[in-house]
Amino acid sequence: MKLRSILLAAALLAAGGALAAPKPYQAPPETASLADGPDVDLVDANCSACHSVDYITTQPRGLADPKGFWTAEVSKMKKAYGYKADDQDAAKIVAYLTEVYR
């Protein structure tokens, strides 16, 4: 009896979620801008398509290996979040981030 109640409750929750309409979301205005540097337009067009520039500008600074850090970040965007960049553009983005946000 207990299992039947659990299954019924799970089915009702699933059905309710399936009927819920998505809620529109308006992102807040951008509060940061990218610093000037090589290929800044490429970085802006690619990175800000998915997330705020604040995400970039608030990353840690003064790292022992900034290129390694930014390479890992761009790799994470490609592997975990589906960012579609060819190797040449990804290298330019890493170079910009390494130079400007060390």
PDB file of N, CA and C in Angstrom:
ATOM      1  N   MET A   1       0.819  -1.194   0.000  1.00  0.00           N
ATOM      2  CA  MET A   1       0.000   0.000   0.000  1.00  0.00           C
ATOM      3  C   MET A   1       0.863   1.258   0.000  1.00  0.00           C
ATOM      4  N   LYS A   2       1.919   1.239   0.811  1.00  0.00           N
ATOM      5  CA  LYS A   2       2.790   2.405   0.892  1.00  0.00           C
ATOM      6  C   LYS A   2       3.459   2.673  -0.451  1.00  0.00           C
ATOM      7  N   LEU A   3       3.926   1.622  -1.134  1.00  0.00           N
ATOM      8  CA  LEU A   3       4.565   1.770  -2.443  1.00  0.00           C
ATOM      9  C   LEU A   3       3.590   2.346  -3.452  1.00  0.00           C
ATOM     10  N   ARG A   4       2.327   1.904  -3.386  1.00  0.00           N
ATOM     11  CA  ARG A   4       1.317   2.410  -4.307  1.00  0.00           C
ATOM     12  C   ARG A   4       1.117   3.918  -4.100  1.00  0.00           C
ATOM     13  N   SER A   5       1.097   4.362  -2.860  1.00  0.00           N
ATOM     14  CA  SER A   5       0.929   5.790  -2.563  1.00  0.00           C
ATOM     15  C   SER A   5       2.101   6.606  -3.080  1.00  0.00           C
ATOM     16  N   ILE A   6       3.296   6.067  -2.919  1.00  0.00           N
ATOM     17  CA  ILE A   6       4.487   6.766  -3.405  1.00  0.00           C
ATOM     18  C   ILE A   6       4.456   6.881  -4.919  1.00  0.00           C
ATOM     19  N   LEU A   7       4.106   5.791  -5.589  1.00  0.00           N
ATOM     20  CA  LEU A   7       4.042   5.814  -7.050  1.00  0.00           C
ATOM     21  C   LEU A   7       2.964   6.779  -7.546  1.00  0.00           C
ATOM     22  N   LEU A   8       1.825   6.797  -6.879  1.00  0.00           N
ATOM     23  CA  LEU A   8       0.752   7.718  -7.261  1.00  0.00           C
ATOM     24  C   LEU A   8       1.196   9.169  -7.078  1.00  0.00           C
ATOM     25  N   ALA A   9       1.840   9.453  -5.964  1.00  0.00           N
ATOM     26  CA  ALA A   9       2.322  10.813  -5.714  1.00  0.00           C
ATOM     27  C   ALA A   9       3.359  11.219  -6.756  1.00  0.00           C
ATOM     28  N   ALA A  10       4.268  10.326  -7.104  1.00  0.00           N
ATOM     29  CA  ALA A  10       5.279  10.619  -8.119  1.00  0.00           C
ATOM     30  C   ALA A  10       4.634  10.882  -9.473  1.00  0.00           C
ATOM     31  N   ALA A  11       3.630  10.097  -9.830  1.00  0.00           N
ATOM     32  CA  ALA A  11       2.945  10.283 -11.108  1.00  0.00           C
ATOM     33  C   ALA A  11       2.226  11.630 -11.155  1.00  0.00           C
ATOM     34  N   LEU A  12       1.583  12.005 -10.069  1.00  0.00           N
ATOM     35  CA  LEU A  12       0.891  13.294 -10.023  1.00  0.00           C
ATOM     36  C   LEU A  12       1.865  14.462 -10.120  1.00  0.00           C
ATOM     37  N   LEU A  13       2.998  14.347  -9.442  1.00  0.00           N
ATOM     38  CA  LEU A  13       4.009  15.412  -9.521  1.00  0.00           C
ATOM     39  C   LEU A  13       4.560  15.537 -10.932  1.00  0.00           C
ATOM     40  N   ALA A  14       4.819  14.416 -11.561  1.00  0.00           N
ATOM     41  CA  ALA A  14       5.341  14.436 -12.929  1.00  0.00           C
ATOM     42  C   ALA A  14       4.329  15.047 -13.890  1.00  0.00           C
ATOM     43  N   ALA A  15       3.076  14.688 -13.739  1.00  0.00           N
ATOM     44  CA  ALA A  15       2.035  15.224 -14.618  1.00  0.00           C
ATOM     45  C   ALA A  15       1.877  16.726 -14.416  1.00  0.00           C
ATOM     46  N   GLY A  16       1.927  17.173 -13.187  1.00  0.00           N
ATOM     47  CA  GLY A  16       1.794  18.607 -12.911  1.00  0.00           C
ATOM     48  C   GLY A  16       2.935  19.400 -13.509  1.00  0.00           C
ATOM     49  N   GLY A  17       4.145  18.881 -13.433  1.00  0.00           N
ATOM     50  CA  GLY A  17       5.298  19.557 -14.014  1.00  0.00           C
ATOM     51  C   GLY A  17       5.234  19.613 -15.523  1.00  0.00           C
ATOM     52  N   ALA A  18       4.680  18.561 -16.135  1.00  0.00           N
ATOM     53  CA  ALA A  18       4.587  18.520 -17.588  1.00  0.00           C
ATOM     54  C   ALA A  18       3.582  19.537 -18.111  1.00  0.00           C
ATOM     55  N   LEU A  19       2.586  19.864 -17.303  1.00  0.00           N
ATOM     56  CA  LEU A  19       1.550  20.803 -17.739  1.00  0.00           C
ATOM     57  C   LEU A  19       1.926  22.262 -17.475  1.00  0.00           C
ATOM     58  N   ALA A  20       2.915  22.491 -16.669  1.00  0.00           N
ATOM     59  CA  ALA A  20       3.303  23.858 -16.337  1.00  0.00           C
ATOM     60  C   ALA A  20       3.926  24.540 -17.552  1.00  0.00           C
ATOM     61  N   ALA A  21       3.495  25.746 -17.810  1.00  0.00           N
ATOM     62  CA  ALA A  21       4.037  26.506 -18.937  1.00  0.00           C
ATOM     63  C   ALA A  21       5.345  27.163 -18.521  1.00  0.00           C
ATOM     64  N   PRO A  22       6.311  27.263 -19.446  1.00  0.00           N
ATOM     65  CA  PRO A  22       7.565  27.947 -19.100  1.00  0.00           C
ATOM     66  C   PRO A  22       7.295  29.421 -18.812  1.00  0.00           C
ATOM     67  N   LYS A  23       8.036  29.956 -17.870  1.00  0.00           N
ATOM     68  CA  LYS A  23       7.873  31.363 -17.527  1.00  0.00           C
ATOM     69  C   LYS A  23       8.903  32.183 -18.280  1.00  0.00           C
ATOM     70  N   PRO A  24       8.473  33.285 -18.879  1.00  0.00           N
ATOM     71  CA  PRO A  24       9.451  34.139 -19.577  1.00  0.00           C
ATOM     72  C   PRO A  24      10.417  34.762 -18.577  1.00  0.00           C
ATOM     73  N   TYR A  25      11.626  34.961 -19.030  1.00  0.00           N
ATOM     74  CA  TYR A  25      12.661  35.531 -18.170  1.00  0.00           C
ATOM     75  C   TYR A  25      13.392  36.619 -18.931  1.00  0.00           C
ATOM     76  N   GLN A  26      13.489  37.773 -18.335  1.00  0.00           N
ATOM     77  CA  GLN A  26      14.235  38.877 -18.927  1.00  0.00           C
ATOM     78  C   GLN A  26      15.522  39.044 -18.127  1.00  0.00           C
ATOM     79  N   ALA A  27      16.655  38.852 -18.777  1.00  0.00           N
ATOM     80  CA  ALA A  27      17.940  38.996 -18.097  1.00  0.00           C
ATOM     81  C   ALA A  27      18.145  40.449 -17.685  1.00  0.00           C
ATOM     82  N   PRO A  28      18.786  40.659 -16.559  1.00  0.00           N
ATOM     83  CA  PRO A  28      19.064  42.041 -16.151  1.00  0.00           C
ATOM     84  C   PRO A  28      20.060  42.690 -17.100  1.00  0.00           C
ATOM     85  N   PRO A  29      20.120  43.998 -17.132  1.00  0.00           N
ATOM     86  CA  PRO A  29      21.076  44.662 -18.019  1.00  0.00           C
ATOM     87  C   PRO A  29      22.520  44.331 -17.626  1.00  0.00           C
ATOM     88  N   GLU A  30      23.373  44.309 -18.623  1.00  0.00           N
ATOM     89  CA  GLU A  30      24.795  44.027 -18.406  1.00  0.00           C
ATOM     90  C   GLU A  30      25.404  45.130 -17.552  1.00  0.00           C
ATOM     91  N   THR A  31      26.235  44.739 -16.604  1.00  0.00           N
ATOM     92  CA  THR A  31      26.853  45.733 -15.724  1.00  0.00           C
ATOM     93  C   THR A  31      28.353  45.856 -15.949  1.00  0.00           C
ATOM     94  N   ALA A  32      28.903  45.031 -16.810  1.00  0.00           N
ATOM     95  CA  ALA A  32      30.343  45.065 -17.058  1.00  0.00           C
ATOM     96  C   ALA A  32      30.593  45.090 -18.560  1.00  0.00           C
ATOM     97  N   SER A  33      31.793  45.451 -18.922  1.00  0.00           N
ATOM     98  CA  SER A  33      32.198  45.373 -20.330  1.00  0.00           C
ATOM     99  C   SER A  33      33.613  44.805 -20.369  1.00  0.00           C
ATOM    100  N   LEU A  34      33.927  44.195 -21.471  1.00  0.00           N
ATOM    101  CA  LEU A  34      35.251  43.607 -21.632  1.00  0.00           C
ATOM    102  C   LEU A  34      36.288  44.699 -21.841  1.00  0.00           C
ATOM    103  N   ALA A  35      37.455  44.504 -21.271  1.00  0.00           N
ATOM    104  CA  ALA A  35      38.559  45.442 -21.461  1.00  0.00           C
ATOM    105  C   ALA A  35      39.096  45.318 -22.878  1.00  0.00           C
ATOM    106  N   ASP A  36      39.647  46.389 -23.393  1.00  0.00           N
ATOM    107  CA  ASP A  36      40.248  46.356 -24.725  1.00  0.00           C
ATOM    108  C   ASP A  36      41.387  45.350 -24.752  1.00  0.00           C
ATOM    109  N   GLY A  37      41.553  44.731 -25.889  1.00  0.00           N
ATOM    110  CA  GLY A  37      42.624  43.762 -26.069  1.00  0.00           C
ATOM    111  C   GLY A  37      42.485  43.091 -27.415  1.00  0.00           C
ATOM    112  N   PRO A  38      43.423  42.215 -27.737  1.00  0.00           N
ATOM    113  CA  PRO A  38      43.391  41.536 -29.029  1.00  0.00           C
ATOM    114  C   PRO A  38      42.169  40.633 -29.145  1.00  0.00           C
ATOM    115  N   ASP A  39      41.446  40.753 -30.241  1.00  0.00           N
ATOM    116  CA  ASP A  39      40.267  39.922 -30.525  1.00  0.00           C
ATOM    117  C   ASP A  39      39.133  40.112 -29.525  1.00  0.00           C
ATOM    118  N   VAL A  40      39.016  41.295 -28.933  1.00  0.00           N
ATOM    119  CA  VAL A  40      37.953  41.535 -27.961  1.00  0.00           C
ATOM    120  C   VAL A  40      36.572  41.336 -28.591  1.00  0.00           C
ATOM    121  N   ASP A  41      36.413  41.685 -29.868  1.00  0.00           N
ATOM    122  CA  ASP A  41      35.117  41.515 -30.523  1.00  0.00           C
ATOM    123  C   ASP A  41      34.752  40.035 -30.661  1.00  0.00           C
ATOM    124  N   LEU A  42      35.739  39.204 -30.949  1.00  0.00           N
ATOM    125  CA  LEU A  42      35.519  37.756 -31.029  1.00  0.00           C
ATOM    126  C   LEU A  42      35.097  37.212 -29.667  1.00  0.00           C
ATOM    127  N   VAL A  43      35.789  37.646 -28.628  1.00  0.00           N
ATOM    128  CA  VAL A  43      35.474  37.199 -27.270  1.00  0.00           C
ATOM    129  C   VAL A  43      34.070  37.650 -26.887  1.00  0.00           C
ATOM    130  N   ASP A  44      33.761  38.911 -27.135  1.00  0.00           N
ATOM    131  CA  ASP A  44      32.448  39.443 -26.789  1.00  0.00           C
ATOM    132  C   ASP A  44      31.344  38.685 -27.518  1.00  0.00           C
ATOM    133  N   ALA A  45      31.501  38.479 -28.800  1.00  0.00           N
ATOM    134  CA  ALA A  45      30.469  37.806 -29.580  1.00  0.00           C
ATOM    135  C   ALA A  45      30.263  36.361 -29.133  1.00  0.00           C
ATOM    136  N   ASN A  46      31.341  35.681 -28.795  1.00  0.00           N
ATOM    137  CA  ASN A  46      31.230  34.271 -28.434  1.00  0.00           C
ATOM    138  C   ASN A  46      30.843  34.063 -26.975  1.00  0.00           C
ATOM    139  N   CYS A  47      31.490  34.743 -26.068  1.00  0.00           N
ATOM    140  CA  CYS A  47      31.270  34.493 -24.642  1.00  0.00           C
ATOM    141  C   CYS A  47      29.956  35.080 -24.142  1.00  0.00           C
ATOM    142  N   SER A  48      29.659  36.308 -24.550  1.00  0.00           N
ATOM    143  CA  SER A  48      28.455  36.949 -24.034  1.00  0.00           C
ATOM    144  C   SER A  48      27.182  36.413 -24.685  1.00  0.00           C
ATOM    145  N   ALA A  49      27.314  35.535 -25.659  1.00  0.00           N
ATOM    146  CA  ALA A  49      26.132  34.895 -26.231  1.00  0.00           C
ATOM    147  C   ALA A  49      25.468  33.969 -25.214  1.00  0.00           C
ATOM    148  N   CYS A  50      26.254  33.467 -24.250  1.00  0.00           N
ATOM    149  CA  CYS A  50      25.717  32.513 -23.267  1.00  0.00           C
ATOM    150  C   CYS A  50      25.712  33.024 -21.840  1.00  0.00           C
ATOM    151  N   HIS A  51      26.603  33.914 -21.512  1.00  0.00           N
ATOM    152  CA  HIS A  51      26.651  34.386 -20.135  1.00  0.00           C
ATOM    153  C   HIS A  51      27.089  35.842 -20.081  1.00  0.00           C
ATOM    154  N   SER A  52      26.881  36.426 -18.940  1.00  0.00           N
ATOM    155  CA  SER A  52      27.223  37.814 -18.692  1.00  0.00           C
ATOM    156  C   SER A  52      28.735  38.027 -18.725  1.00  0.00           C
ATOM    157  N   VAL A  53      29.133  39.211 -19.104  1.00  0.00           N
ATOM    158  CA  VAL A  53      30.551  39.578 -19.049  1.00  0.00           C
ATOM    159  C   VAL A  53      31.038  39.568 -17.600  1.00  0.00           C
ATOM    160  N   ASP A  54      30.119  39.788 -16.669  1.00  0.00           N
ATOM    161  CA  ASP A  54      30.480  39.714 -15.251  1.00  0.00           C
ATOM    162  C   ASP A  54      31.120  38.374 -14.909  1.00  0.00           C
ATOM    163  N   TYR A  55      30.676  37.331 -15.568  1.00  0.00           N
ATOM    164  CA  TYR A  55      31.246  35.999 -15.311  1.00  0.00           C
ATOM    165  C   TYR A  55      32.744  35.989 -15.595  1.00  0.00           C
ATOM    166  N   ILE A  56      33.164  36.725 -16.602  1.00  0.00           N
ATOM    167  CA  ILE A  56      34.582  36.801 -16.964  1.00  0.00           C
ATOM    168  C   ILE A  56      35.325  37.740 -16.010  1.00  0.00           C
ATOM    169  N   THR A  57      34.773  38.909 -15.817  1.00  0.00           N
ATOM    170  CA  THR A  57      35.498  39.937 -15.066  1.00  0.00           C
ATOM    171  C   THR A  57      35.627  39.631 -13.578  1.00  0.00           C
ATOM    172  N   THR A  58      34.833  38.710 -13.062  1.00  0.00           N
ATOM    173  CA  THR A  58      34.912  38.376 -11.642  1.00  0.00           C
ATOM    174  C   THR A  58      35.721  37.104 -11.364  1.00  0.00           C
ATOM    175  N   GLN A  59      36.356  36.549 -12.383  1.00  0.00           N
ATOM    176  CA  GLN A  59      37.190  35.367 -12.173  1.00  0.00           C
ATOM    177  C   GLN A  59      38.455  35.768 -11.413  1.00  0.00           C
ATOM    178  N   PRO A  60      39.077  34.802 -10.730  1.00  0.00           N
ATOM    179  CA  PRO A  60      40.268  35.125  -9.927  1.00  0.00           C
ATOM    180  C   PRO A  60      41.406  35.695 -10.766  1.00  0.00           C
ATOM    181  N   ARG A  61      42.181  36.550 -10.155  1.00  0.00           N
ATOM    182  CA  ARG A  61      43.345  37.161 -10.799  1.00  0.00           C
ATOM    183  C   ARG A  61      44.601  36.783 -10.032  1.00  0.00           C
ATOM    184  N   GLY A  62      45.748  37.044 -10.630  1.00  0.00           N
ATOM    185  CA  GLY A  62      47.017  36.804  -9.969  1.00  0.00           C
ATOM    186  C   GLY A  62      47.361  35.337  -9.824  1.00  0.00           C
ATOM    187  N   LEU A  63      46.861  34.535 -10.732  1.00  0.00           N
ATOM    188  CA  LEU A  63      47.129  33.100 -10.677  1.00  0.00           C
ATOM    189  C   LEU A  63      48.533  32.787 -11.167  1.00  0.00           C
ATOM    190  N   ALA A  64      49.089  31.700 -10.685  1.00  0.00           N
ATOM    191  CA  ALA A  64      50.429  31.285 -11.105  1.00  0.00           C
ATOM    192  C   ALA A  64      50.446  30.899 -12.582  1.00  0.00           C
ATOM    193  N   ASP A  65      49.334  30.355 -13.083  1.00  0.00           N
ATOM    194  CA  ASP A  65      49.254  29.902 -14.481  1.00  0.00           C
ATOM    195  C   ASP A  65      47.957  30.402 -15.113  1.00  0.00           C
ATOM    196  N   PRO A  66      47.898  31.706 -15.459  1.00  0.00           N
ATOM    197  CA  PRO A  66      46.648  32.227 -16.019  1.00  0.00           C
ATOM    198  C   PRO A  66      46.251  31.558 -17.336  1.00  0.00           C
ATOM    199  N   LYS A  67      47.225  31.205 -18.175  1.00  0.00           N
ATOM    200  CA  LYS A  67      46.881  30.549 -19.439  1.00  0.00           C
ATOM    201  C   LYS A  67      46.245  29.181 -19.173  1.00  0.00           C
ATOM    202  N   GLY A  68      46.774  28.440 -18.218  1.00  0.00           N
ATOM    203  CA  GLY A  68      46.187  27.152 -17.864  1.00  0.00           C
ATOM    204  C   GLY A  68      44.769  27.299 -17.330  1.00  0.00           C
ATOM    205  N   PHE A  69      44.567  28.334 -16.501  1.00  0.00           N
ATOM    206  CA  PHE A  69      43.237  28.595 -15.955  1.00  0.00           C
ATOM    207  C   PHE A  69      42.243  28.886 -17.073  1.00  0.00           C
ATOM    208  N   TRP A  70      42.593  29.817 -17.974  1.00  0.00           N
ATOM    209  CA  TRP A  70      41.660  30.201 -19.030  1.00  0.00           C
ATOM    210  C   TRP A  70      41.474  29.090 -20.060  1.00  0.00           C
ATOM    211  N   THR A  71      42.502  28.313 -20.306  1.00  0.00           N
ATOM    212  CA  THR A  71      42.354  27.158 -21.202  1.00  0.00           C
ATOM    213  C   THR A  71      41.339  26.185 -20.611  1.00  0.00           C
ATOM    214  N   ALA A  72      41.439  25.936 -19.316  1.00  0.00           N
ATOM    215  CA  ALA A  72      40.492  25.037 -18.652  1.00  0.00           C
ATOM    216  C   ALA A  72      39.074  25.606 -18.691  1.00  0.00           C
ATOM    217  N   GLU A  73      38.936  26.914 -18.508  1.00  0.00           N
ATOM    218  CA  GLU A  73      37.607  27.532 -18.539  1.00  0.00           C
ATOM    219  C   GLU A  73      36.966  27.406 -19.924  1.00  0.00           C
ATOM    220  N   VAL A  74      37.728  27.702 -20.968  1.00  0.00           N
ATOM    221  CA  VAL A  74      37.181  27.603 -22.327  1.00  0.00           C
ATOM    222  C   VAL A  74      36.869  26.144 -22.651  1.00  0.00           C
ATOM    223  N   SER A  75      37.724  25.235 -22.230  1.00  0.00           N
ATOM    224  CA  SER A  75      37.478  23.806 -22.427  1.00  0.00           C
ATOM    225  C   SER A  75      36.198  23.373 -21.718  1.00  0.00           C
ATOM    226  N   LYS A  76      35.993  23.873 -20.505  1.00  0.00           N
ATOM    227  CA  LYS A  76      34.767  23.561 -19.756  1.00  0.00           C
ATOM    228  C   LYS A  76      33.539  24.060 -20.512  1.00  0.00           C
ATOM    229  N   MET A  77      33.625  25.253 -21.084  1.00  0.00           N
ATOM    230  CA  MET A  77      32.491  25.795 -21.831  1.00  0.00           C
ATOM    231  C   MET A  77      32.157  24.898 -23.031  1.00  0.00           C
ATOM    232  N   LYS A  78      33.187  24.358 -23.653  1.00  0.00           N
ATOM    233  CA  LYS A  78      32.979  23.485 -24.809  1.00  0.00           C
ATOM    234  C   LYS A  78      32.412  22.126 -24.390  1.00  0.00           C
ATOM    235  N   LYS A  79      33.013  21.518 -23.383  1.00  0.00           N
ATOM    236  CA  LYS A  79      32.630  20.156 -22.993  1.00  0.00           C
ATOM    237  C   LYS A  79      31.338  20.118 -22.182  1.00  0.00           C
ATOM    238  N   ALA A  80      31.222  20.966 -21.194  1.00  0.00           N
ATOM    239  CA  ALA A  80      30.083  20.895 -20.283  1.00  0.00           C
ATOM    240  C   ALA A  80      28.860  21.671 -20.768  1.00  0.00           C
ATOM    241  N   TYR A  81      29.096  22.763 -21.497  1.00  0.00           N
ATOM    242  CA  TYR A  81      27.984  23.633 -21.855  1.00  0.00           C
ATOM    243  C   TYR A  81      27.702  23.704 -23.359  1.00  0.00           C
ATOM    244  N   GLY A  82      28.455  22.945 -24.153  1.00  0.00           N
ATOM    245  CA  GLY A  82      28.160  22.857 -25.579  1.00  0.00           C
ATOM    246  C   GLY A  82      28.589  24.030 -26.427  1.00  0.00           C
ATOM    247  N   TYR A  83      29.538  24.837 -25.951  1.00  0.00           N
ATOM    248  CA  TYR A  83      30.032  25.956 -26.756  1.00  0.00           C
ATOM    249  C   TYR A  83      30.712  25.406 -28.002  1.00  0.00           C
ATOM    250  N   LYS A  84      30.308  25.883 -29.139  1.00  0.00           N
ATOM    251  CA  LYS A  84      30.829  25.404 -30.425  1.00  0.00           C
ATOM    252  C   LYS A  84      31.864  26.381 -30.970  1.00  0.00           C
ATOM    253  N   ALA A  85      33.111  26.150 -30.625  1.00  0.00           N
ATOM    254  CA  ALA A  85      34.198  26.989 -31.138  1.00  0.00           C
ATOM    255  C   ALA A  85      35.216  26.101 -31.808  1.00  0.00           C
ATOM    256  N   ASP A  86      35.739  26.580 -32.935  1.00  0.00           N
ATOM    257  CA  ASP A  86      36.836  25.816 -33.528  1.00  0.00           C
ATOM    258  C   ASP A  86      38.099  26.107 -32.719  1.00  0.00           C
ATOM    259  N   ASP A  87      39.110  25.290 -32.942  1.00  0.00           N
ATOM    260  CA  ASP A  87      40.336  25.406 -32.138  1.00  0.00           C
ATOM    261  C   ASP A  87      41.009  26.761 -32.300  1.00  0.00           C
ATOM    262  N   GLN A  88      40.935  27.337 -33.492  1.00  0.00           N
ATOM    263  CA  GLN A  88      41.572  28.639 -33.739  1.00  0.00           C
ATOM    264  C   GLN A  88      40.891  29.747 -32.933  1.00  0.00           C
ATOM    265  N   ASP A  89      39.560  29.789 -32.950  1.00  0.00           N
ATOM    266  CA  ASP A  89      38.849  30.806 -32.170  1.00  0.00           C
ATOM    267  C   ASP A  89      39.045  30.584 -30.673  1.00  0.00           C
ATOM    268  N   ALA A  90      38.999  29.334 -30.242  1.00  0.00           N
ATOM    269  CA  ALA A  90      39.210  29.037 -28.820  1.00  0.00           C
ATOM    270  C   ALA A  90      40.593  29.517 -28.381  1.00  0.00           C
ATOM    271  N   ALA A  91      41.601  29.317 -29.219  1.00  0.00           N
ATOM    272  CA  ALA A  91      42.966  29.763 -28.888  1.00  0.00           C
ATOM    273  C   ALA A  91      43.031  31.289 -28.794  1.00  0.00           C
ATOM    274  N   LYS A  92      42.321  31.989 -29.675  1.00  0.00           N
ATOM    275  CA  LYS A  92      42.291  33.454 -29.624  1.00  0.00           C
ATOM    276  C   LYS A  92      41.597  33.945 -28.360  1.00  0.00           C
ATOM    277  N   ILE A  93      40.530  33.266 -27.977  1.00  0.00           N
ATOM    278  CA  ILE A  93      39.810  33.637 -26.758  1.00  0.00           C
ATOM    279  C   ILE A  93      40.703  33.431 -25.540  1.00  0.00           C
ATOM    280  N   VAL A  94      41.380  32.284 -25.480  1.00  0.00           N
ATOM    281  CA  VAL A  94      42.298  32.013 -24.368  1.00  0.00           C
ATOM    282  C   VAL A  94      43.406  33.058 -24.338  1.00  0.00           C
ATOM    283  N   ALA A  95      43.951  33.413 -25.501  1.00  0.00           N
ATOM    284  CA  ALA A  95      45.028  34.410 -25.557  1.00  0.00           C
ATOM    285  C   ALA A  95      44.542  35.752 -25.027  1.00  0.00           C
ATOM    286  N   TYR A  96      43.347  36.166 -25.431  1.00  0.00           N
ATOM    287  CA  TYR A  96      42.790  37.429 -24.938  1.00  0.00           C
ATOM    288  C   TYR A  96      42.610  37.394 -23.426  1.00  0.00           C
ATOM    289  N   LEU A  97      41.948  36.352 -22.947  1.00  0.00           N
ATOM    290  CA  LEU A  97      41.661  36.260 -21.509  1.00  0.00           C
ATOM    291  C   LEU A  97      42.946  36.208 -20.690  1.00  0.00           C
ATOM    292  N   THR A  98      43.935  35.486 -21.197  1.00  0.00           N
ATOM    293  CA  THR A  98      45.223  35.375 -20.491  1.00  0.00           C
ATOM    294  C   THR A  98      45.919  36.731 -20.428  1.00  0.00           C
ATOM    295  N   GLU A  99      45.862  37.459 -21.524  1.00  0.00           N
ATOM    296  CA  GLU A  99      46.542  38.762 -21.591  1.00  0.00           C
ATOM    297  C   GLU A  99      45.838  39.823 -20.737  1.00  0.00           C
ATOM    298  N   VAL A 100      44.527  39.848 -20.811  1.00  0.00           N
ATOM    299  CA  VAL A 100      43.784  40.946 -20.200  1.00  0.00           C
ATOM    300  C   VAL A 100      43.347  40.646 -18.761  1.00  0.00           C
ATOM    301  N   TYR A 101      42.996  39.400 -18.486  1.00  0.00           N
ATOM    302  CA  TYR A 101      42.482  39.032 -17.162  1.00  0.00           C
ATOM    303  C   TYR A 101      43.422  38.030 -16.476  1.00  0.00           C
ATOM    304  N   ARG A 102      44.674  38.468 -16.216  1.00  0.00           N
ATOM    305  CA  ARG A 102      45.697  37.593 -15.617  1.00  0.00           C
ATOM    306  C   ARG A 102      45.468  37.399 -14.174  1.00  0.00           C
TER     307      ARG A 102
END
